[in-house]
Amino acid sequence: MRIIILFCSALLIVSCKSKNPAVDKTISVVKPEEVALVKKNRADDLGQRLLETCNTSRFKAFSSVEATEKVRQNATKEKISMVCKKINQRNGRFMGLNLIDITYNKITDEHVFHYNINYEKKYFKRELFVTVNAENKVSAISTKEIEPKPM
């Protein structure tokens, strides 16, 4: 009788499992109203300035107050003009930005602003990601083309 009870209790313990998988709580989506205005303005301004460079061919370098040293070293006129040349051929003139969402990383204390980029030609969709750190400096800027979804 003891063996049957032990077997049933062992079977019960093995068969019970968690229904909710472990969820990563380090990155969360934040409402735009919850983000400091300084961070939103910094991300908007630097993103706009960088993409407007493709239209005007005039790039105003980022200051040490606006961006980290790594971003300032990577954002050279030569690199930006090379990227702008490719983007202008495929997408046309830059028209504007639309904020899609803002994510917050609790470990690094950074906000990532995710924008949809509007271009003259609508054939290829591009998105912009601007990362603003705790010091209200832009620590990363990247753009990528989004693959079209099949119907």
N, C-alpha and C. Protein backbone atom coordinates (compact mmCIF):
# COMPACT_ATOMS: atom_id res chain seq x y z
N MET A 1 0.81 -1.19 0.00
CA MET A 1 0.00 0.00 0.00
C MET A 1 0.86 1.26 0.00
N ARG A 2 1.97 1.22 0.76
CA ARG A 2 2.87 2.36 0.81
C ARG A 2 3.50 2.62 -0.56
N ILE A 3 3.81 1.60 -1.26
CA ILE A 3 4.44 1.73 -2.56
C ILE A 3 3.47 2.40 -3.54
N ILE A 4 2.21 2.05 -3.47
CA ILE A 4 1.21 2.64 -4.36
C ILE A 4 1.05 4.12 -4.04
N ILE A 5 1.02 4.49 -2.77
CA ILE A 5 0.88 5.89 -2.37
C ILE A 5 2.11 6.69 -2.80
N LEU A 6 3.31 6.15 -2.61
CA LEU A 6 4.54 6.83 -3.04
C LEU A 6 4.56 6.99 -4.56
N PHE A 7 4.16 5.94 -5.26
CA PHE A 7 4.13 6.00 -6.72
C PHE A 7 3.14 7.06 -7.21
N CYS A 8 1.96 7.12 -6.61
CA CYS A 8 0.94 8.11 -7.01
C CYS A 8 1.39 9.53 -6.69
N SER A 9 2.02 9.74 -5.54
CA SER A 9 2.49 11.08 -5.20
C SER A 9 3.64 11.50 -6.12
N ALA A 10 4.54 10.58 -6.46
CA ALA A 10 5.62 10.89 -7.38
C ALA A 10 5.06 11.22 -8.76
N LEU A 11 4.07 10.45 -9.19
CA LEU A 11 3.43 10.70 -10.47
C LEU A 11 2.73 12.06 -10.49
N LEU A 12 2.12 12.43 -9.38
CA LEU A 12 1.45 13.72 -9.26
C LEU A 12 2.45 14.87 -9.35
N ILE A 13 3.58 14.73 -8.70
CA ILE A 13 4.61 15.77 -8.71
C ILE A 13 5.20 15.92 -10.10
N VAL A 14 5.46 14.83 -10.77
CA VAL A 14 6.05 14.87 -12.10
C VAL A 14 5.06 15.43 -13.12
N SER A 15 3.81 15.12 -12.98
CA SER A 15 2.82 15.56 -13.96
C SER A 15 2.46 17.03 -13.82
N CYS A 16 2.66 17.61 -12.65
CA CYS A 16 2.35 19.03 -12.46
C CYS A 16 3.46 19.86 -13.08
N LYS A 17 3.10 20.82 -13.91
CA LYS A 17 4.08 21.73 -14.48
C LYS A 17 3.47 23.12 -14.53
N SER A 18 4.33 24.08 -14.63
CA SER A 18 3.87 25.47 -14.68
C SER A 18 3.20 25.75 -16.01
N LYS A 19 2.08 26.39 -15.96
CA LYS A 19 1.35 26.71 -17.19
C LYS A 19 1.88 27.99 -17.82
N ASN A 20 2.46 28.89 -17.05
CA ASN A 20 3.00 30.14 -17.56
C ASN A 20 4.51 30.02 -17.69
N PRO A 21 5.05 30.14 -18.90
CA PRO A 21 6.50 30.09 -19.04
C PRO A 21 7.13 31.34 -18.43
N ALA A 22 8.39 31.25 -18.12
CA ALA A 22 9.10 32.40 -17.55
C ALA A 22 9.11 33.53 -18.57
N VAL A 23 8.71 34.72 -18.16
CA VAL A 23 8.63 35.88 -19.03
C VAL A 23 9.76 36.83 -18.67
N ASP A 24 10.45 37.32 -19.69
CA ASP A 24 11.54 38.26 -19.48
C ASP A 24 10.96 39.63 -19.13
N LYS A 25 11.19 40.07 -17.92
CA LYS A 25 10.62 41.35 -17.44
C LYS A 25 11.63 42.49 -17.50
N THR A 26 12.79 42.27 -18.17
CA THR A 26 13.79 43.32 -18.20
C THR A 26 13.48 44.37 -19.27
N ILE A 27 12.75 43.99 -20.32
CA ILE A 27 12.40 44.93 -21.38
C ILE A 27 10.88 45.07 -21.43
N SER A 28 10.42 46.31 -21.38
CA SER A 28 8.98 46.54 -21.39
C SER A 28 8.64 47.69 -22.33
N VAL A 29 7.45 47.64 -22.89
CA VAL A 29 6.95 48.71 -23.74
C VAL A 29 6.39 49.81 -22.84
N VAL A 30 6.77 51.05 -23.14
CA VAL A 30 6.40 52.19 -22.31
C VAL A 30 5.51 53.12 -23.13
N LYS A 31 4.54 53.74 -22.48
CA LYS A 31 3.69 54.73 -23.15
C LYS A 31 4.50 56.02 -23.34
N PRO A 32 4.28 56.73 -24.44
CA PRO A 32 5.02 57.98 -24.67
C PRO A 32 4.85 59.02 -23.56
N GLU A 33 3.70 59.00 -22.88
CA GLU A 33 3.47 59.97 -21.80
C GLU A 33 4.36 59.70 -20.59
N GLU A 34 4.84 58.46 -20.45
CA GLU A 34 5.65 58.08 -19.29
C GLU A 34 7.14 58.40 -19.46
N VAL A 35 7.54 58.78 -20.66
CA VAL A 35 8.95 59.06 -20.95
C VAL A 35 9.19 60.56 -20.80
N ALA A 36 10.35 60.90 -20.24
CA ALA A 36 10.70 62.30 -20.05
C ALA A 36 10.74 63.03 -21.39
N LEU A 37 10.25 64.24 -21.41
CA LEU A 37 10.18 65.03 -22.63
C LEU A 37 11.57 65.27 -23.23
N VAL A 38 12.58 65.36 -22.38
CA VAL A 38 13.95 65.57 -22.85
C VAL A 38 14.39 64.39 -23.72
N LYS A 39 14.09 63.17 -23.27
CA LYS A 39 14.47 61.97 -24.02
C LYS A 39 13.73 61.90 -25.35
N LYS A 40 12.43 62.19 -25.34
CA LYS A 40 11.64 62.15 -26.58
C LYS A 40 12.15 63.18 -27.58
N ASN A 41 12.37 64.40 -27.11
CA ASN A 41 12.86 65.46 -27.99
C ASN A 41 14.24 65.15 -28.55
N ARG A 42 15.11 64.59 -27.72
CA ARG A 42 16.47 64.24 -28.16
C ARG A 42 16.41 63.18 -29.26
N ALA A 43 15.60 62.16 -29.07
CA ALA A 43 15.49 61.10 -30.07
C ALA A 43 14.88 61.64 -31.36
N ASP A 44 13.82 62.44 -31.24
CA ASP A 44 13.18 63.02 -32.43
C ASP A 44 14.15 63.93 -33.20
N ASP A 45 14.79 64.84 -32.49
CA ASP A 45 15.66 65.82 -33.12
C ASP A 45 16.84 65.17 -33.84
N LEU A 46 17.53 64.25 -33.16
CA LEU A 46 18.69 63.63 -33.77
C LEU A 46 18.31 62.70 -34.91
N GLY A 47 17.19 62.00 -34.79
CA GLY A 47 16.70 61.17 -35.88
C GLY A 47 16.33 62.00 -37.09
N GLN A 48 15.59 63.09 -36.86
CA GLN A 48 15.20 64.00 -37.95
C GLN A 48 16.44 64.61 -38.60
N ARG A 49 17.38 65.06 -37.78
CA ARG A 49 18.57 65.72 -38.31
C ARG A 49 19.39 64.76 -39.17
N LEU A 50 19.51 63.54 -38.71
CA LEU A 50 20.28 62.55 -39.45
C LEU A 50 19.62 62.23 -40.79
N LEU A 51 18.30 62.05 -40.79
CA LEU A 51 17.61 61.70 -42.03
C LEU A 51 17.44 62.90 -42.97
N GLU A 52 17.35 64.11 -42.43
CA GLU A 52 17.29 65.31 -43.26
C GLU A 52 18.60 65.53 -44.01
N THR A 53 19.68 65.00 -43.47
CA THR A 53 20.98 65.10 -44.13
C THR A 53 20.92 64.48 -45.52
N CYS A 54 20.15 63.42 -45.69
CA CYS A 54 20.02 62.77 -46.99
C CYS A 54 19.34 63.69 -48.00
N ASN A 55 18.50 64.59 -47.55
CA ASN A 55 17.82 65.53 -48.46
C ASN A 55 18.69 66.74 -48.78
N THR A 56 19.38 67.26 -47.79
CA THR A 56 20.10 68.52 -47.95
C THR A 56 21.59 68.37 -48.20
N SER A 57 22.16 67.20 -47.89
CA SER A 57 23.60 66.94 -48.00
C SER A 57 24.43 67.81 -47.07
N ARG A 58 23.80 68.36 -46.05
CA ARG A 58 24.51 69.13 -45.02
C ARG A 58 24.31 68.44 -43.68
N PHE A 59 25.41 68.02 -43.06
CA PHE A 59 25.31 67.31 -41.79
C PHE A 59 25.91 68.17 -40.69
N LYS A 60 25.10 68.44 -39.67
CA LYS A 60 25.58 69.14 -38.48
C LYS A 60 25.98 68.07 -37.48
N ALA A 61 27.25 68.04 -37.14
CA ALA A 61 27.78 67.00 -36.26
C ALA A 61 27.10 67.04 -34.89
N PHE A 62 26.99 65.86 -34.28
CA PHE A 62 26.40 65.75 -32.95
C PHE A 62 27.38 66.29 -31.91
N SER A 63 26.86 66.98 -30.91
CA SER A 63 27.70 67.50 -29.84
C SER A 63 27.87 66.46 -28.75
N SER A 64 28.79 66.71 -27.83
CA SER A 64 29.03 65.77 -26.73
C SER A 64 27.87 65.75 -25.74
N VAL A 65 27.02 66.77 -25.76
CA VAL A 65 25.84 66.81 -24.90
C VAL A 65 24.73 65.95 -25.49
N GLU A 66 24.67 65.86 -26.81
CA GLU A 66 23.60 65.14 -27.49
C GLU A 66 23.84 63.65 -27.63
N ALA A 67 25.08 63.26 -27.89
CA ALA A 67 25.37 61.86 -28.20
C ALA A 67 26.63 61.39 -27.51
N THR A 68 26.74 60.07 -27.35
CA THR A 68 27.94 59.48 -26.74
C THR A 68 29.10 59.56 -27.73
N GLU A 69 30.28 59.34 -27.22
CA GLU A 69 31.49 59.41 -28.05
C GLU A 69 31.46 58.38 -29.17
N LYS A 70 30.95 57.21 -28.90
CA LYS A 70 30.88 56.15 -29.91
C LYS A 70 29.99 56.57 -31.08
N VAL A 71 28.86 57.16 -30.80
CA VAL A 71 27.94 57.62 -31.85
C VAL A 71 28.59 58.74 -32.64
N ARG A 72 29.25 59.65 -31.98
CA ARG A 72 29.88 60.78 -32.67
C ARG A 72 31.01 60.32 -33.58
N GLN A 73 31.75 59.28 -33.17
CA GLN A 73 32.82 58.75 -34.01
C GLN A 73 32.26 58.03 -35.23
N ASN A 74 31.14 57.34 -35.07
CA ASN A 74 30.55 56.59 -36.19
C ASN A 74 29.76 57.47 -37.15
N ALA A 75 29.28 58.62 -36.71
CA ALA A 75 28.47 59.49 -37.55
C ALA A 75 29.36 60.52 -38.25
N THR A 76 30.14 60.04 -39.20
CA THR A 76 31.00 60.93 -39.98
C THR A 76 30.30 61.28 -41.29
N LYS A 77 30.74 62.36 -41.91
CA LYS A 77 30.13 62.79 -43.18
C LYS A 77 30.26 61.71 -44.24
N GLU A 78 31.39 61.04 -44.27
CA GLU A 78 31.63 60.03 -45.30
C GLU A 78 30.68 58.85 -45.14
N LYS A 79 30.54 58.35 -43.93
CA LYS A 79 29.65 57.21 -43.69
C LYS A 79 28.19 57.57 -43.95
N ILE A 80 27.79 58.74 -43.50
CA ILE A 80 26.41 59.16 -43.67
C ILE A 80 26.10 59.38 -45.15
N SER A 81 27.01 60.00 -45.89
CA SER A 81 26.75 60.24 -47.31
C SER A 81 26.68 58.92 -48.08
N MET A 82 27.47 57.93 -47.70
CA MET A 82 27.43 56.63 -48.36
C MET A 82 26.08 55.94 -48.12
N VAL A 83 25.59 55.98 -46.88
CA VAL A 83 24.29 55.39 -46.55
C VAL A 83 23.16 56.16 -47.21
N CYS A 84 23.25 57.48 -47.20
CA CYS A 84 22.21 58.31 -47.81
C CYS A 84 22.10 58.06 -49.30
N LYS A 85 23.22 57.83 -49.95
CA LYS A 85 23.20 57.57 -51.39
C LYS A 85 22.38 56.32 -51.69
N LYS A 86 22.59 55.27 -50.90
CA LYS A 86 21.85 54.02 -51.09
C LYS A 86 20.36 54.20 -50.79
N ILE A 87 20.08 54.88 -49.69
CA ILE A 87 18.68 55.08 -49.28
C ILE A 87 17.94 55.95 -50.28
N ASN A 88 18.56 57.01 -50.78
CA ASN A 88 17.91 57.91 -51.73
C ASN A 88 17.59 57.20 -53.04
N GLN A 89 18.45 56.30 -53.46
CA GLN A 89 18.19 55.56 -54.70
C GLN A 89 16.98 54.64 -54.55
N ARG A 90 16.86 53.99 -53.41
CA ARG A 90 15.78 53.03 -53.20
C ARG A 90 14.48 53.68 -52.73
N ASN A 91 14.59 54.69 -51.86
CA ASN A 91 13.41 55.23 -51.19
C ASN A 91 13.02 56.64 -51.60
N GLY A 92 13.88 57.38 -52.21
CA GLY A 92 13.56 58.77 -52.55
C GLY A 92 13.83 59.71 -51.38
N ARG A 93 13.19 60.87 -51.41
CA ARG A 93 13.41 61.89 -50.39
C ARG A 93 12.75 61.50 -49.07
N PHE A 94 13.38 61.91 -47.97
CA PHE A 94 12.84 61.71 -46.63
C PHE A 94 11.70 62.69 -46.40
N MET A 95 10.55 62.16 -45.91
CA MET A 95 9.37 62.99 -45.69
C MET A 95 9.08 63.24 -44.21
N GLY A 96 9.31 62.25 -43.34
CA GLY A 96 9.02 62.44 -41.93
C GLY A 96 9.12 61.15 -41.14
N LEU A 97 8.92 61.26 -39.81
CA LEU A 97 8.99 60.13 -38.89
C LEU A 97 7.66 59.96 -38.16
N ASN A 98 7.30 58.70 -37.90
CA ASN A 98 6.14 58.39 -37.06
C ASN A 98 6.61 57.46 -35.96
N LEU A 99 6.35 57.83 -34.72
CA LEU A 99 6.73 56.99 -33.58
C LEU A 99 5.85 55.76 -33.53
N ILE A 100 6.47 54.57 -33.49
CA ILE A 100 5.73 53.32 -33.40
C ILE A 100 5.59 52.91 -31.94
N ASP A 101 6.72 52.78 -31.25
CA ASP A 101 6.67 52.44 -29.83
C ASP A 101 7.99 52.81 -29.15
N ILE A 102 7.95 52.74 -27.81
CA ILE A 102 9.11 53.02 -26.99
C ILE A 102 9.29 51.84 -26.05
N THR A 103 10.49 51.27 -26.02
CA THR A 103 10.78 50.19 -25.09
C THR A 103 11.82 50.66 -24.08
N TYR A 104 11.72 50.11 -22.88
CA TYR A 104 12.63 50.47 -21.80
C TYR A 104 13.35 49.22 -21.32
N ASN A 105 14.68 49.28 -21.29
CA ASN A 105 15.49 48.18 -20.79
C ASN A 105 15.91 48.51 -19.37
N LYS A 106 15.43 47.73 -18.41
CA LYS A 106 15.69 48.00 -16.99
C LYS A 106 17.14 47.75 -16.61
N ILE A 107 17.81 46.81 -17.28
CA ILE A 107 19.19 46.47 -16.95
C ILE A 107 20.14 47.60 -17.34
N THR A 108 20.01 48.10 -18.58
CA THR A 108 20.91 49.15 -19.06
C THR A 108 20.37 50.55 -18.83
N ASP A 109 19.12 50.67 -18.37
CA ASP A 109 18.46 51.96 -18.13
C ASP A 109 18.44 52.81 -19.40
N GLU A 110 18.01 52.18 -20.52
CA GLU A 110 17.95 52.85 -21.81
C GLU A 110 16.54 52.76 -22.40
N HIS A 111 16.17 53.81 -23.11
CA HIS A 111 14.91 53.83 -23.85
C HIS A 111 15.23 53.69 -25.34
N VAL A 112 14.52 52.81 -26.02
CA VAL A 112 14.69 52.63 -27.47
C VAL A 112 13.43 53.15 -28.15
N PHE A 113 13.61 54.18 -28.97
CA PHE A 113 12.52 54.79 -29.71
C PHE A 113 12.48 54.15 -31.10
N HIS A 114 11.34 53.62 -31.47
CA HIS A 114 11.16 52.89 -32.72
C HIS A 114 10.27 53.73 -33.63
N TYR A 115 10.80 54.16 -34.78
CA TYR A 115 10.09 55.03 -35.70
C TYR A 115 9.87 54.36 -37.05
N ASN A 116 8.78 54.72 -37.70
CA ASN A 116 8.55 54.37 -39.09
C ASN A 116 9.01 55.58 -39.91
N ILE A 117 9.84 55.35 -40.92
CA ILE A 117 10.35 56.43 -41.75
C ILE A 117 9.49 56.54 -43.00
N ASN A 118 9.01 57.73 -43.27
CA ASN A 118 8.21 57.98 -44.47
C ASN A 118 9.10 58.56 -45.55
N TYR A 119 9.07 57.90 -46.69
CA TYR A 119 9.84 58.36 -47.85
C TYR A 119 8.90 58.65 -49.01
N GLU A 120 9.44 59.31 -50.02
CA GLU A 120 8.71 59.66 -51.22
C GLU A 120 8.20 58.40 -51.94
N LYS A 121 9.07 57.41 -52.09
CA LYS A 121 8.70 56.15 -52.73
C LYS A 121 8.24 55.19 -51.64
N LYS A 122 7.13 54.52 -51.89
CA LYS A 122 6.54 53.64 -50.88
C LYS A 122 6.86 52.16 -51.11
N TYR A 123 7.80 51.86 -52.00
CA TYR A 123 8.09 50.47 -52.35
C TYR A 123 8.77 49.71 -51.21
N PHE A 124 9.68 50.36 -50.52
CA PHE A 124 10.44 49.71 -49.46
C PHE A 124 10.19 50.43 -48.15
N LYS A 125 9.92 49.68 -47.10
CA LYS A 125 9.64 50.24 -45.78
C LYS A 125 10.92 50.22 -44.95
N ARG A 126 11.23 51.33 -44.29
CA ARG A 126 12.40 51.41 -43.42
C ARG A 126 11.95 51.89 -42.04
N GLU A 127 12.71 51.45 -41.02
CA GLU A 127 12.44 51.86 -39.65
C GLU A 127 13.73 52.37 -39.01
N LEU A 128 13.56 53.28 -38.07
CA LEU A 128 14.67 53.90 -37.36
C LEU A 128 14.59 53.54 -35.90
N PHE A 129 15.72 53.20 -35.31
CA PHE A 129 15.81 52.90 -33.89
C PHE A 129 16.82 53.85 -33.25
N VAL A 130 16.36 54.62 -32.26
CA VAL A 130 17.22 55.58 -31.56
C VAL A 130 17.23 55.18 -30.08
N THR A 131 18.42 54.92 -29.55
CA THR A 131 18.56 54.52 -28.16
C THR A 131 19.08 55.70 -27.35
N VAL A 132 18.36 56.05 -26.28
CA VAL A 132 18.74 57.16 -25.41
C VAL A 132 19.05 56.58 -24.03
N ASN A 133 20.25 56.87 -23.50
CA ASN A 133 20.66 56.30 -22.21
C ASN A 133 20.18 57.15 -21.03
N ALA A 134 20.61 56.79 -19.84
CA ALA A 134 20.17 57.46 -18.62
C ALA A 134 20.65 58.91 -18.53
N GLU A 135 21.75 59.23 -19.24
CA GLU A 135 22.29 60.59 -19.23
C GLU A 135 21.63 61.48 -20.29
N ASN A 136 20.55 60.99 -20.91
CA ASN A 136 19.83 61.70 -21.98
C ASN A 136 20.70 61.93 -23.21
N LYS A 137 21.64 61.02 -23.46
CA LYS A 137 22.48 61.07 -24.65
C LYS A 137 22.08 59.92 -25.56
N VAL A 138 22.15 60.15 -26.85
CA VAL A 138 21.87 59.08 -27.82
C VAL A 138 23.07 58.14 -27.83
N SER A 139 22.82 56.87 -27.51
CA SER A 139 23.91 55.90 -27.46
C SER A 139 23.93 54.97 -28.67
N ALA A 140 22.88 55.00 -29.50
CA ALA A 140 22.85 54.20 -30.72
C ALA A 140 21.77 54.73 -31.66
N ILE A 141 22.09 54.72 -32.95
CA ILE A 141 21.12 55.06 -33.99
C ILE A 141 21.29 54.03 -35.09
N SER A 142 20.19 53.42 -35.49
CA SER A 142 20.28 52.46 -36.59
C SER A 142 18.99 52.49 -37.39
N THR A 143 19.11 52.13 -38.64
CA THR A 143 17.96 52.04 -39.52
C THR A 143 18.04 50.70 -40.23
N LYS A 144 16.87 50.14 -40.50
CA LYS A 144 16.87 48.88 -41.24
C LYS A 144 15.65 48.81 -42.13
N GLU A 145 15.81 48.06 -43.20
CA GLU A 145 14.70 47.86 -44.12
C GLU A 145 13.87 46.69 -43.65
N ILE A 146 12.57 46.85 -43.67
CA ILE A 146 11.64 45.81 -43.23
C ILE A 146 11.22 44.99 -44.44
N GLU A 147 11.34 43.69 -44.30
CA GLU A 147 10.94 42.78 -45.37
C GLU A 147 9.44 42.86 -45.58
N PRO A 148 8.98 42.91 -46.82
CA PRO A 148 7.53 42.91 -47.05
C PRO A 148 6.92 41.57 -46.67
N LYS A 149 5.74 41.62 -46.10
CA LYS A 149 5.06 40.40 -45.68
C LYS A 149 4.23 39.86 -46.84
N PRO A 150 4.32 38.56 -47.10
CA PRO A 150 3.50 38.00 -48.18
C PRO A 150 2.03 38.02 -47.80
N MET A 151 1.18 38.13 -48.81
CA MET A 151 -0.26 38.20 -48.54
C MET A 151 -0.87 36.85 -48.39
